[in-house]
Structure formats: structure tokens, C-alpha cells
Amino acid sequence: MKTDKPTTRFWAVLAVVNTLVLIYPIGLLHRAESADEHVFAARMLIGFVFLLAVVDAVSIVVADVVGKR
């Protein structure tokens, strides 16, 4: 049976991938000791969040298109 929406497994995998990807920049931010390290870690975290937003949007669109086949 074909569904019009992505499955629960898709959302679970997407959430796990997002969590695993964000562990690194959050760890950098937590371990930063100087102001330069804080700025670098904050910029990296913002970059990762932006990248994940784009990748998530593309994944959702692709899952929706594939789910309608």
C-alpha cells in the first residue's frame, strides 16, 4: 500500500542523523576555552544547522515524491 507521507522510520532516521551530526559542533562549543575558539565553534554550529536545514528539506521532498510513486 502506497502512502502519501513519509513513514515513521524515515522521521526516526532523520532525527538520529541530525542528532549525530550536531554532536561534533556542540562538543567543540563546550570545549572551547578562548574567545576565538568560541567564535569558531559558534560559526561551525550555525553552519551545520543551515546545512542540515537544507539537507532535511531536500530529504523530505524526495521522500514525498518517492512515497507517491
PDB file of N, CA and C in Angstrom:
ATOM      1  N   MET A   1       0.829  -1.173   0.000  1.00  0.00           N
ATOM      2  CA  MET A   1       0.000   0.000   0.000  1.00  0.00           C
ATOM      3  C   MET A   1       0.883   1.249   0.000  1.00  0.00           C
ATOM      4  N   LYS A   2       0.663   2.121  -0.925  1.00  0.00           N
ATOM      5  CA  LYS A   2       1.439   3.356  -1.021  1.00  0.00           C
ATOM      6  C   LYS A   2       0.831   4.430  -0.114  1.00  0.00           C
ATOM      7  N   THR A   3       1.697   5.196   0.518  1.00  0.00           N
ATOM      8  CA  THR A   3       1.229   6.288   1.364  1.00  0.00           C
ATOM      9  C   THR A   3       1.644   7.610   0.751  1.00  0.00           C
ATOM     10  N   ASP A   4       0.961   8.669   1.140  1.00  0.00           N
ATOM     11  CA  ASP A   4       1.292   9.991   0.626  1.00  0.00           C
ATOM     12  C   ASP A   4       2.313  10.728   1.487  1.00  0.00           C
ATOM     13  N   LYS A   5       2.603  10.185   2.667  1.00  0.00           N
ATOM     14  CA  LYS A   5       3.520  10.854   3.576  1.00  0.00           C
ATOM     15  C   LYS A   5       4.701   9.938   3.888  1.00  0.00           C
ATOM     16  N   PRO A   6       5.860  10.552   4.219  1.00  0.00           N
ATOM     17  CA  PRO A   6       6.996   9.724   4.640  1.00  0.00           C
ATOM     18  C   PRO A   6       6.640   8.923   5.896  1.00  0.00           C
ATOM     19  N   THR A   7       7.260   7.780   6.045  1.00  0.00           N
ATOM     20  CA  THR A   7       6.943   6.875   7.143  1.00  0.00           C
ATOM     21  C   THR A   7       7.576   7.324   8.456  1.00  0.00           C
ATOM     22  N   THR A   8       7.155   6.650   9.506  1.00  0.00           N
ATOM     23  CA  THR A   8       7.713   6.921  10.832  1.00  0.00           C
ATOM     24  C   THR A   8       9.201   6.585  10.863  1.00  0.00           C
ATOM     25  N   ARG A   9       9.596   5.539  10.159  1.00  0.00           N
ATOM     26  CA  ARG A   9      11.014   5.160  10.118  1.00  0.00           C
ATOM     27  C   ARG A   9      11.855   6.265   9.475  1.00  0.00           C
ATOM     28  N   PHE A  10      11.325   6.892   8.436  1.00  0.00           N
ATOM     29  CA  PHE A  10      12.031   7.999   7.792  1.00  0.00           C
ATOM     30  C   PHE A  10      12.296   9.117   8.791  1.00  0.00           C
ATOM     31  N   TRP A  11      11.275   9.497   9.566  1.00  0.00           N
ATOM     32  CA  TRP A  11      11.432  10.584  10.525  1.00  0.00           C
ATOM     33  C   TRP A  11      12.400  10.200  11.642  1.00  0.00           C
ATOM     34  N   ALA A  12      12.369   8.947  12.054  1.00  0.00           N
ATOM     35  CA  ALA A  12      13.296   8.491  13.100  1.00  0.00           C
ATOM     36  C   ALA A  12      14.739   8.550  12.606  1.00  0.00           C
ATOM     37  N   VAL A  13      14.977   8.091  11.396  1.00  0.00           N
ATOM     38  CA  VAL A  13      16.332   8.127  10.829  1.00  0.00           C
ATOM     39  C   VAL A  13      16.798   9.568  10.660  1.00  0.00           C
ATOM     40  N   LEU A  14      15.913  10.435  10.188  1.00  0.00           N
ATOM     41  CA  LEU A  14      16.262  11.844  10.013  1.00  0.00           C
ATOM     42  C   LEU A  14      16.627  12.484  11.350  1.00  0.00           C
ATOM     43  N   ALA A  15      15.881  12.192  12.390  1.00  0.00           N
ATOM     44  CA  ALA A  15      16.166  12.745  13.717  1.00  0.00           C
ATOM     45  C   ALA A  15      17.498  12.234  14.263  1.00  0.00           C
ATOM     46  N   VAL A  16      17.767  10.950  14.075  1.00  0.00           N
ATOM     47  CA  VAL A  16      19.024  10.369  14.565  1.00  0.00           C
ATOM     48  C   VAL A  16      20.218  10.971  13.816  1.00  0.00           C
ATOM     49  N   VAL A  17      20.101  11.102  12.506  1.00  0.00           N
ATOM     50  CA  VAL A  17      21.189  11.690  11.715  1.00  0.00           C
ATOM     51  C   VAL A  17      21.430  13.137  12.144  1.00  0.00           C
ATOM     52  N   ASN A  18      20.363  13.903  12.324  1.00  0.00           N
ATOM     53  CA  ASN A  18      20.518  15.296  12.765  1.00  0.00           C
ATOM     54  C   ASN A  18      21.211  15.368  14.124  1.00  0.00           C
ATOM     55  N   THR A  19      20.819  14.505  15.033  1.00  0.00           N
ATOM     56  CA  THR A  19      21.430  14.494  16.362  1.00  0.00           C
ATOM     57  C   THR A  19      22.912  14.130  16.292  1.00  0.00           C
ATOM     58  N   LEU A  20      23.228  13.102  15.523  1.00  0.00           N
ATOM     59  CA  LEU A  20      24.627  12.684  15.407  1.00  0.00           C
ATOM     60  C   LEU A  20      25.492  13.746  14.744  1.00  0.00           C
ATOM     61  N   VAL A  21      24.947  14.431  13.755  1.00  0.00           N
ATOM     62  CA  VAL A  21      25.723  15.475  13.074  1.00  0.00           C
ATOM     63  C   VAL A  21      25.966  16.657  13.998  1.00  0.00           C
ATOM     64  N   LEU A  22      25.023  16.986  14.857  1.00  0.00           N
ATOM     65  CA  LEU A  22      25.182  18.150  15.729  1.00  0.00           C
ATOM     66  C   LEU A  22      26.038  17.882  16.965  1.00  0.00           C
ATOM     67  N   ILE A  23      26.362  16.633  17.228  1.00  0.00           N
ATOM     68  CA  ILE A  23      27.186  16.320  18.396  1.00  0.00           C
ATOM     69  C   ILE A  23      28.569  16.968  18.284  1.00  0.00           C
ATOM     70  N   TYR A  24      29.166  16.939  17.099  1.00  0.00           N
ATOM     71  CA  TYR A  24      30.527  17.473  16.934  1.00  0.00           C
ATOM     72  C   TYR A  24      30.608  18.988  17.202  1.00  0.00           C
ATOM     73  N   PRO A  25      29.801  19.832  16.528  1.00  0.00           N
ATOM     74  CA  PRO A  25      29.954  21.269  16.798  1.00  0.00           C
ATOM     75  C   PRO A  25      29.529  21.662  18.216  1.00  0.00           C
ATOM     76  N   ILE A  26      28.579  20.945  18.806  1.00  0.00           N
ATOM     77  CA  ILE A  26      28.205  21.249  20.187  1.00  0.00           C
ATOM     78  C   ILE A  26      29.347  20.873  21.122  1.00  0.00           C
ATOM     79  N   GLY A  27      30.020  19.771  20.845  1.00  0.00           N
ATOM     80  CA  GLY A  27      31.191  19.383  21.629  1.00  0.00           C
ATOM     81  C   GLY A  27      32.308  20.411  21.517  1.00  0.00           C
ATOM     82  N   LEU A  28      32.516  20.924  20.298  1.00  0.00           N
ATOM     83  CA  LEU A  28      33.523  21.976  20.122  1.00  0.00           C
ATOM     84  C   LEU A  28      33.176  23.211  20.939  1.00  0.00           C
ATOM     85  N   LEU A  29      31.910  23.592  20.916  1.00  0.00           N
ATOM     86  CA  LEU A  29      31.475  24.774  21.661  1.00  0.00           C
ATOM     87  C   LEU A  29      31.645  24.560  23.158  1.00  0.00           C
ATOM     88  N   HIS A  30      31.381  23.361  23.607  1.00  0.00           N
ATOM     89  CA  HIS A  30      31.518  23.045  25.029  1.00  0.00           C
ATOM     90  C   HIS A  30      32.982  23.047  25.473  1.00  0.00           C
ATOM     91  N   ARG A  31      33.893  22.589  24.608  1.00  0.00           N
ATOM     92  CA  ARG A  31      35.317  22.500  24.964  1.00  0.00           C
ATOM     93  C   ARG A  31      36.100  23.776  24.681  1.00  0.00           C
ATOM     94  N   ALA A  32      35.484  24.764  24.046  1.00  0.00           N
ATOM     95  CA  ALA A  32      36.199  25.993  23.692  1.00  0.00           C
ATOM     96  C   ALA A  32      36.648  26.724  24.961  1.00  0.00           C
ATOM     97  N   GLU A  33      37.901  27.195  24.919  1.00  0.00           N
ATOM     98  CA  GLU A  33      38.454  27.889  26.076  1.00  0.00           C
ATOM     99  C   GLU A  33      38.708  29.363  25.812  1.00  0.00           C
ATOM    100  N   SER A  34      39.066  29.720  24.597  1.00  0.00           N
ATOM    101  CA  SER A  34      39.338  31.123  24.301  1.00  0.00           C
ATOM    102  C   SER A  34      38.178  31.717  23.498  1.00  0.00           C
ATOM    103  N   ALA A  35      38.207  33.019  23.361  1.00  0.00           N
ATOM    104  CA  ALA A  35      37.156  33.711  22.612  1.00  0.00           C
ATOM    105  C   ALA A  35      37.172  33.297  21.142  1.00  0.00           C
ATOM    106  N   ASP A  36      38.383  33.129  20.589  1.00  0.00           N
ATOM    107  CA  ASP A  36      38.481  32.708  19.185  1.00  0.00           C
ATOM    108  C   ASP A  36      37.880  31.318  18.974  1.00  0.00           C
ATOM    109  N   GLU A  37      38.128  30.423  19.927  1.00  0.00           N
ATOM    110  CA  GLU A  37      37.555  29.079  19.817  1.00  0.00           C
ATOM    111  C   GLU A  37      36.035  29.115  19.949  1.00  0.00           C
ATOM    112  N   HIS A  38      35.519  29.992  20.796  1.00  0.00           N
ATOM    113  CA  HIS A  38      34.070  30.137  20.935  1.00  0.00           C
ATOM    114  C   HIS A  38      33.443  30.650  19.635  1.00  0.00           C
ATOM    115  N   VAL A  39      34.086  31.637  19.024  1.00  0.00           N
ATOM    116  CA  VAL A  39      33.565  32.188  17.768  1.00  0.00           C
ATOM    117  C   VAL A  39      33.594  31.127  16.673  1.00  0.00           C
ATOM    118  N   PHE A  40      34.712  30.411  16.572  1.00  0.00           N
ATOM    119  CA  PHE A  40      34.817  29.361  15.559  1.00  0.00           C
ATOM    120  C   PHE A  40      33.756  28.286  15.767  1.00  0.00           C
ATOM    121  N   ALA A  41      33.597  27.841  17.007  1.00  0.00           N
ATOM    122  CA  ALA A  41      32.622  26.787  17.304  1.00  0.00           C
ATOM    123  C   ALA A  41      31.200  27.268  17.058  1.00  0.00           C
ATOM    124  N   ALA A  42      30.903  28.514  17.397  1.00  0.00           N
ATOM    125  CA  ALA A  42      29.560  29.057  17.164  1.00  0.00           C
ATOM    126  C   ALA A  42      29.270  29.153  15.669  1.00  0.00           C
ATOM    127  N   ARG A  43      30.253  29.606  14.898  1.00  0.00           N
ATOM    128  CA  ARG A  43      30.062  29.678  13.446  1.00  0.00           C
ATOM    129  C   ARG A  43      29.893  28.285  12.846  1.00  0.00           C
ATOM    130  N   MET A  44      30.643  27.329  13.347  1.00  0.00           N
ATOM    131  CA  MET A  44      30.516  25.962  12.851  1.00  0.00           C
ATOM    132  C   MET A  44      29.133  25.406  13.184  1.00  0.00           C
ATOM    133  N   LEU A  45      28.653  25.675  14.378  1.00  0.00           N
ATOM    134  CA  LEU A  45      27.319  25.215  14.768  1.00  0.00           C
ATOM    135  C   LEU A  45      26.247  25.841  13.884  1.00  0.00           C
ATOM    136  N   ILE A  46      26.344  27.125  13.624  1.00  0.00           N
ATOM    137  CA  ILE A  46      25.383  27.795  12.745  1.00  0.00           C
ATOM    138  C   ILE A  46      25.461  27.221  11.332  1.00  0.00           C
ATOM    139  N   GLY A  47      26.661  26.958  10.844  1.00  0.00           N
ATOM    140  CA  GLY A  47      26.826  26.369   9.519  1.00  0.00           C
ATOM    141  C   GLY A  47      26.225  24.973   9.431  1.00  0.00           C
ATOM    142  N   PHE A  48      26.444  24.173  10.460  1.00  0.00           N
ATOM    143  CA  PHE A  48      25.877  22.823  10.478  1.00  0.00           C
ATOM    144  C   PHE A  48      24.354  22.870  10.511  1.00  0.00           C
ATOM    145  N   VAL A  49      23.789  23.781  11.291  1.00  0.00           N
ATOM    146  CA  VAL A  49      22.328  23.896  11.364  1.00  0.00           C
ATOM    147  C   VAL A  49      21.776  24.301  10.002  1.00  0.00           C
ATOM    148  N   PHE A  50      22.423  25.257   9.329  1.00  0.00           N
ATOM    149  CA  PHE A  50      21.975  25.667   7.998  1.00  0.00           C
ATOM    150  C   PHE A  50      22.082  24.506   7.012  1.00  0.00           C
ATOM    151  N   LEU A  51      23.197  23.792   7.037  1.00  0.00           N
ATOM    152  CA  LEU A  51      23.388  22.650   6.149  1.00  0.00           C
ATOM    153  C   LEU A  51      22.335  21.575   6.405  1.00  0.00           C
ATOM    154  N   LEU A  52      22.066  21.287   7.669  1.00  0.00           N
ATOM    155  CA  LEU A  52      21.052  20.287   8.000  1.00  0.00           C
ATOM    156  C   LEU A  52      19.660  20.731   7.558  1.00  0.00           C
ATOM    157  N   ALA A  53      19.369  22.018   7.657  1.00  0.00           N
ATOM    158  CA  ALA A  53      18.060  22.509   7.215  1.00  0.00           C
ATOM    159  C   ALA A  53      17.882  22.273   5.724  1.00  0.00           C
ATOM    160  N   VAL A  54      18.923  22.534   4.950  1.00  0.00           N
ATOM    161  CA  VAL A  54      18.855  22.315   3.504  1.00  0.00           C
ATOM    162  C   VAL A  54      18.738  20.826   3.189  1.00  0.00           C
ATOM    163  N   VAL A  55      19.572  20.017   3.811  1.00  0.00           N
ATOM    164  CA  VAL A  55      19.554  18.566   3.564  1.00  0.00           C
ATOM    165  C   VAL A  55      18.224  17.963   4.009  1.00  0.00           C
ATOM    166  N   ASP A  56      17.695  18.409   5.138  1.00  0.00           N
ATOM    167  CA  ASP A  56      16.405  17.903   5.606  1.00  0.00           C
ATOM    168  C   ASP A  56      15.282  18.268   4.636  1.00  0.00           C
ATOM    169  N   ALA A  57      15.295  19.496   4.148  1.00  0.00           N
ATOM    170  CA  ALA A  57      14.258  19.914   3.198  1.00  0.00           C
ATOM    171  C   ALA A  57      14.311  19.070   1.926  1.00  0.00           C
ATOM    172  N   VAL A  58      15.503  18.849   1.414  1.00  0.00           N
ATOM    173  CA  VAL A  58      15.649  18.025   0.214  1.00  0.00           C
ATOM    174  C   VAL A  58      15.210  16.591   0.503  1.00  0.00           C
ATOM    175  N   SER A  59      15.577  16.058   1.651  1.00  0.00           N
ATOM    176  CA  SER A  59      15.192  14.690   2.008  1.00  0.00           C
ATOM    177  C   SER A  59      13.678  14.551   2.111  1.00  0.00           C
ATOM    178  N   ILE A  60      13.030  15.524   2.706  1.00  0.00           N
ATOM    179  CA  ILE A  60      11.577  15.473   2.852  1.00  0.00           C
ATOM    180  C   ILE A  60      10.896  15.525   1.494  1.00  0.00           C
ATOM    181  N   VAL A  61      11.378  16.390   0.611  1.00  0.00           N
ATOM    182  CA  VAL A  61      10.788  16.475  -0.731  1.00  0.00           C
ATOM    183  C   VAL A  61      10.999  15.174  -1.492  1.00  0.00           C
ATOM    184  N   VAL A  62      12.199  14.633  -1.423  1.00  0.00           N
ATOM    185  CA  VAL A  62      12.482  13.374  -2.129  1.00  0.00           C
ATOM    186  C   VAL A  62      11.633  12.243  -1.551  1.00  0.00           C
ATOM    187  N   ALA A  63      11.521  12.162  -0.236  1.00  0.00           N
ATOM    188  CA  ALA A  63      10.705  11.116   0.382  1.00  0.00           C
ATOM    189  C   ALA A  63       9.242  11.256  -0.006  1.00  0.00           C
ATOM    190  N   ASP A  64       8.771  12.486  -0.123  1.00  0.00           N
ATOM    191  CA  ASP A  64       7.385  12.713  -0.525  1.00  0.00           C
ATOM    192  C   ASP A  64       7.162  12.286  -1.987  1.00  0.00           C
ATOM    193  N   VAL A  65       8.103  12.616  -2.845  1.00  0.00           N
ATOM    194  CA  VAL A  65       7.980  12.239  -4.271  1.00  0.00           C
ATOM    195  C   VAL A  65       8.059  10.726  -4.430  1.00  0.00           C
ATOM    196  N   VAL A  66       9.003  10.102  -3.747  1.00  0.00           N
ATOM    197  CA  VAL A  66       9.157   8.652  -3.838  1.00  0.00           C
ATOM    198  C   VAL A  66       7.945   7.943  -3.225  1.00  0.00           C
ATOM    199  N   GLY A  67       7.379   8.508  -2.143  1.00  0.00           N
ATOM    200  CA  GLY A  67       6.227   7.909  -1.498  1.00  0.00           C
ATOM    201  C   GLY A  67       4.974   7.940  -2.348  1.00  0.00           C
ATOM    202  N   LYS A  68       4.905   8.860  -3.297  1.00  0.00           N
ATOM    203  CA  LYS A  68       3.718   8.961  -4.167  1.00  0.00           C
ATOM    204  C   LYS A  68       3.791   8.064  -5.382  1.00  0.00           C
ATOM    205  N   ARG A  69       4.916   7.406  -5.589  1.00  0.00           N
ATOM    206  CA  ARG A  69       5.040   6.516  -6.743  1.00  0.00           C
ATOM    207  C   ARG A  69       4.280   5.250  -6.558  1.00  0.00           C
TER     208      ARG A  69
END
